[in-house]
Each structure stands twice: as C-alpha cells, then as structure tokens.
Amino acid sequence: MYLKGPFFWDWEGTFIGSANFSNLNTQFSQDYLTVERWWLINSTVGYDVSKNFQVRLIVDNVFDKKPPFPALAGPDGNFLNATTLYFSDIIGRTYQLSAELRV
C-alpha cells in the first residue's frame, strides 16, 4: 500500500495456480486435463477528505482478464466450483465507489 498524506493506493495481485480436473484422467479419457495458472489484479484508490470522512474507488480485475480455458467447463458440466473460483472474471472488470463517514 502506498500512503501519502490523505491519499492512499493499494495494488493487489492474486495468483491462481494450475489445476488438474482429476488426477485419474489421461490424454485418452479427457480432452482437457488441466487449467493453466493466471493472475488477477485489483486496485483501490482512496482519499481522506477529513478526519471522519473517506472515499474510495475500487477496481476489481483491472485488466479485464478472462479465466483461462477451459476453467468454466468443470467436471461433468458442473459450473458451481468454477463460478465460485472465477466469478470476478466471469463478470469482467468492476468498479465500486465507497464513502465512509465515522461519527
């Protein structure tokens, strides 16, 4: 995190390693055996307007990175685990504006 006076900036990288769909699969039993590794980058910029008031802009998936193919396939067409793990990238880049008032 970078902090200079009332301004702050946070840059976060999340690494998701490669994974096998199943260690029992072979090149003869399934077309795709693994999902490749990849990075997800998020960032937050904020400003302390006063001692009791702060505003933040949060950007998830800064580079609008899509999950690696075939991440969403899942075993037997089961999307539950894949959408849980890759949800922020399925919907793409997102923005949030946050304001906090402390009384």
C-alpha atoms as a PDB file:
ATOM      1  CA  MET A   1       0.000   0.000   0.000  1.00  0.00           C
ATOM      2  CA  TYR A   2       1.183   3.489  -0.875  1.00  0.00           C
ATOM      3  CA  LEU A   3       0.213   6.202   1.605  1.00  0.00           C
ATOM      4  CA  LYS A   4       0.987   9.901   1.187  1.00  0.00           C
ATOM      5  CA  GLY A   5      -0.920  12.326   3.377  1.00  0.00           C
ATOM      6  CA  PRO A   6      -4.656  11.835   2.872  1.00  0.00           C
ATOM      7  CA  PHE A   7      -4.142   9.815  -0.357  1.00  0.00           C
ATOM      8  CA  PHE A   8      -3.679   6.042  -0.472  1.00  0.00           C
ATOM      9  CA  TRP A   9      -3.352   3.461  -3.226  1.00  0.00           C
ATOM     10  CA  ASP A  10      -3.424  -0.313  -2.941  1.00  0.00           C
ATOM     11  CA  TRP A  11      -2.404  -2.715  -5.718  1.00  0.00           C
ATOM     12  CA  GLU A  12      -3.207  -6.388  -5.163  1.00  0.00           C
ATOM     13  CA  GLY A  13      -2.240  -9.398  -7.219  1.00  0.00           C
ATOM     14  CA  THR A  14      -3.889 -12.778  -6.747  1.00  0.00           C
ATOM     15  CA  PHE A  15      -2.174 -15.811  -8.251  1.00  0.00           C
ATOM     16  CA  ILE A  16      -4.237 -18.907  -9.020  1.00  0.00           C
ATOM     17  CA  GLY A  17      -2.089 -21.914  -9.849  1.00  0.00           C
ATOM     18  CA  SER A  18      -2.794 -24.503 -12.493  1.00  0.00           C
ATOM     19  CA  ALA A  19      -5.062 -27.376 -11.546  1.00  0.00           C
ATOM     20  CA  ASN A  20      -5.977 -30.823 -12.821  1.00  0.00           C
ATOM     21  CA  PHE A  21      -9.619 -31.642 -13.369  1.00  0.00           C
ATOM     22  CA  SER A  22      -8.845 -35.092 -11.973  1.00  0.00           C
ATOM     23  CA  ASN A  23      -5.575 -36.909 -11.374  1.00  0.00           C
ATOM     24  CA  LEU A  24      -7.236 -40.061 -12.708  1.00  0.00           C
ATOM     25  CA  ASN A  25      -7.791 -38.606 -16.197  1.00  0.00           C
ATOM     26  CA  THR A  26      -5.425 -39.418 -19.064  1.00  0.00           C
ATOM     27  CA  GLN A  27      -4.983 -37.958 -22.520  1.00  0.00           C
ATOM     28  CA  PHE A  28      -7.188 -40.809 -23.753  1.00  0.00           C
ATOM     29  CA  SER A  29     -10.059 -40.261 -21.297  1.00  0.00           C
ATOM     30  CA  GLN A  30     -10.493 -36.476 -21.496  1.00  0.00           C
ATOM     31  CA  ASP A  31      -9.652 -33.729 -23.999  1.00  0.00           C
ATOM     32  CA  TYR A  32      -8.520 -31.133 -21.441  1.00  0.00           C
ATOM     33  CA  LEU A  33      -6.605 -32.295 -18.397  1.00  0.00           C
ATOM     34  CA  THR A  34      -5.678 -29.010 -16.718  1.00  0.00           C
ATOM     35  CA  VAL A  35      -6.485 -25.353 -16.338  1.00  0.00           C
ATOM     36  CA  GLU A  36      -3.461 -23.064 -16.664  1.00  0.00           C
ATOM     37  CA  ARG A  37      -2.230 -20.690 -13.962  1.00  0.00           C
ATOM     38  CA  TRP A  38      -3.044 -16.985 -14.105  1.00  0.00           C
ATOM     39  CA  TRP A  39      -3.077 -13.677 -12.235  1.00  0.00           C
ATOM     40  CA  LEU A  40      -5.893 -11.391 -11.153  1.00  0.00           C
ATOM     41  CA  ILE A  41      -5.093  -7.728 -10.357  1.00  0.00           C
ATOM     42  CA  ASN A  42      -7.268  -5.465  -8.178  1.00  0.00           C
ATOM     43  CA  SER A  43      -6.664  -1.874  -7.092  1.00  0.00           C
ATOM     44  CA  THR A  44      -8.093   0.671  -4.664  1.00  0.00           C
ATOM     45  CA  VAL A  45      -7.537   4.429  -4.609  1.00  0.00           C
ATOM     46  CA  GLY A  46      -8.751   6.433  -1.651  1.00  0.00           C
ATOM     47  CA  TYR A  47      -8.710   9.858  -0.107  1.00  0.00           C
ATOM     48  CA  ASP A  48      -9.314  11.023   3.469  1.00  0.00           C
ATOM     49  CA  VAL A  49     -11.456  14.112   2.873  1.00  0.00           C
ATOM     50  CA  SER A  50     -11.467  14.842   6.599  1.00  0.00           C
ATOM     51  CA  LYS A  51     -10.711  13.046   9.851  1.00  0.00           C
ATOM     52  CA  ASN A  52     -14.156  11.402   9.748  1.00  0.00           C
ATOM     53  CA  PHE A  53     -14.838  11.049   6.012  1.00  0.00           C
ATOM     54  CA  GLN A  54     -13.099   8.834   3.462  1.00  0.00           C
ATOM     55  CA  VAL A  55     -13.873   7.981  -0.182  1.00  0.00           C
ATOM     56  CA  ARG A  56     -12.530   5.012  -2.167  1.00  0.00           C
ATOM     57  CA  LEU A  57     -12.669   3.785  -5.751  1.00  0.00           C
ATOM     58  CA  ILE A  58     -12.213   0.025  -6.005  1.00  0.00           C
ATOM     59  CA  VAL A  59     -11.456  -1.638  -9.336  1.00  0.00           C
ATOM     60  CA  ASP A  60     -11.572  -5.434  -9.426  1.00  0.00           C
ATOM     61  CA  ASN A  61      -9.986  -7.253 -12.362  1.00  0.00           C
ATOM     62  CA  VAL A  62      -8.116  -4.141 -13.541  1.00  0.00           C
ATOM     63  CA  PHE A  63      -7.010  -5.694 -16.839  1.00  0.00           C
ATOM     64  CA  ASP A  64     -10.402  -7.344 -17.538  1.00  0.00           C
ATOM     65  CA  LYS A  65      -8.703 -10.748 -17.648  1.00  0.00           C
ATOM     66  CA  LYS A  66     -10.893 -13.723 -18.525  1.00  0.00           C
ATOM     67  CA  PRO A  67     -10.431 -17.100 -16.789  1.00  0.00           C
ATOM     68  CA  PRO A  68      -8.151 -19.498 -18.679  1.00  0.00           C
ATOM     69  CA  PHE A  69      -9.794 -22.017 -20.992  1.00  0.00           C
ATOM     70  CA  PRO A  70     -11.381 -24.446 -20.031  1.00  0.00           C
ATOM     71  CA  ALA A  71     -11.772 -23.105 -16.487  1.00  0.00           C
ATOM     72  CA  LEU A  72     -15.554 -22.848 -16.686  1.00  0.00           C
ATOM     73  CA  ALA A  73     -16.110 -26.336 -18.078  1.00  0.00           C
ATOM     74  CA  GLY A  74     -15.727 -28.186 -14.800  1.00  0.00           C
ATOM     75  CA  PRO A  75     -16.186 -31.927 -14.480  1.00  0.00           C
ATOM     76  CA  ASP A  76     -19.482 -33.201 -15.903  1.00  0.00           C
ATOM     77  CA  GLY A  77     -20.582 -29.662 -16.799  1.00  0.00           C
ATOM     78  CA  ASN A  78     -20.635 -28.673 -13.112  1.00  0.00           C
ATOM     79  CA  PHE A  79     -20.252 -24.889 -13.063  1.00  0.00           C
ATOM     80  CA  LEU A  80     -20.583 -24.465  -9.288  1.00  0.00           C
ATOM     81  CA  ASN A  81     -16.900 -24.679  -8.319  1.00  0.00           C
ATOM     82  CA  ALA A  82     -15.667 -22.848 -11.408  1.00  0.00           C
ATOM     83  CA  THR A  83     -18.020 -19.895 -10.980  1.00  0.00           C
ATOM     84  CA  THR A  84     -17.115 -19.620  -7.309  1.00  0.00           C
ATOM     85  CA  LEU A  85     -13.392 -19.515  -8.069  1.00  0.00           C
ATOM     86  CA  TYR A  86     -13.552 -17.335 -11.192  1.00  0.00           C
ATOM     87  CA  PHE A  87     -16.649 -15.217 -10.502  1.00  0.00           C
ATOM     88  CA  SER A  88     -14.915 -11.833 -10.573  1.00  0.00           C
ATOM     89  CA  ASP A  89     -13.536 -12.606 -14.022  1.00  0.00           C
ATOM     90  CA  ILE A  90     -16.729 -14.010 -15.475  1.00  0.00           C
ATOM     91  CA  ILE A  91     -18.366 -10.626 -14.992  1.00  0.00           C
ATOM     92  CA  GLY A  92     -15.195  -8.781 -16.084  1.00  0.00           C
ATOM     93  CA  ARG A  93     -13.836  -5.550 -14.679  1.00  0.00           C
ATOM     94  CA  THR A  94     -15.994  -3.995 -11.966  1.00  0.00           C
ATOM     95  CA  TYR A  95     -15.984  -0.623 -10.224  1.00  0.00           C
ATOM     96  CA  GLN A  96     -17.179   0.298  -6.758  1.00  0.00           C
ATOM     97  CA  LEU A  97     -17.341   3.738  -5.212  1.00  0.00           C
ATOM     98  CA  SER A  98     -17.335   3.733  -1.446  1.00  0.00           C
ATOM     99  CA  ALA A  99     -17.768   6.512   1.112  1.00  0.00           C
ATOM    100  CA  GLU A 100     -17.232   6.085   4.839  1.00  0.00           C
ATOM    101  CA  LEU A 101     -18.416   8.508   7.498  1.00  0.00           C
ATOM    102  CA  ARG A 102     -17.226   7.902  11.070  1.00  0.00           C
ATOM    103  CA  VAL A 103     -19.269   9.618  13.781  1.00  0.00           C
END
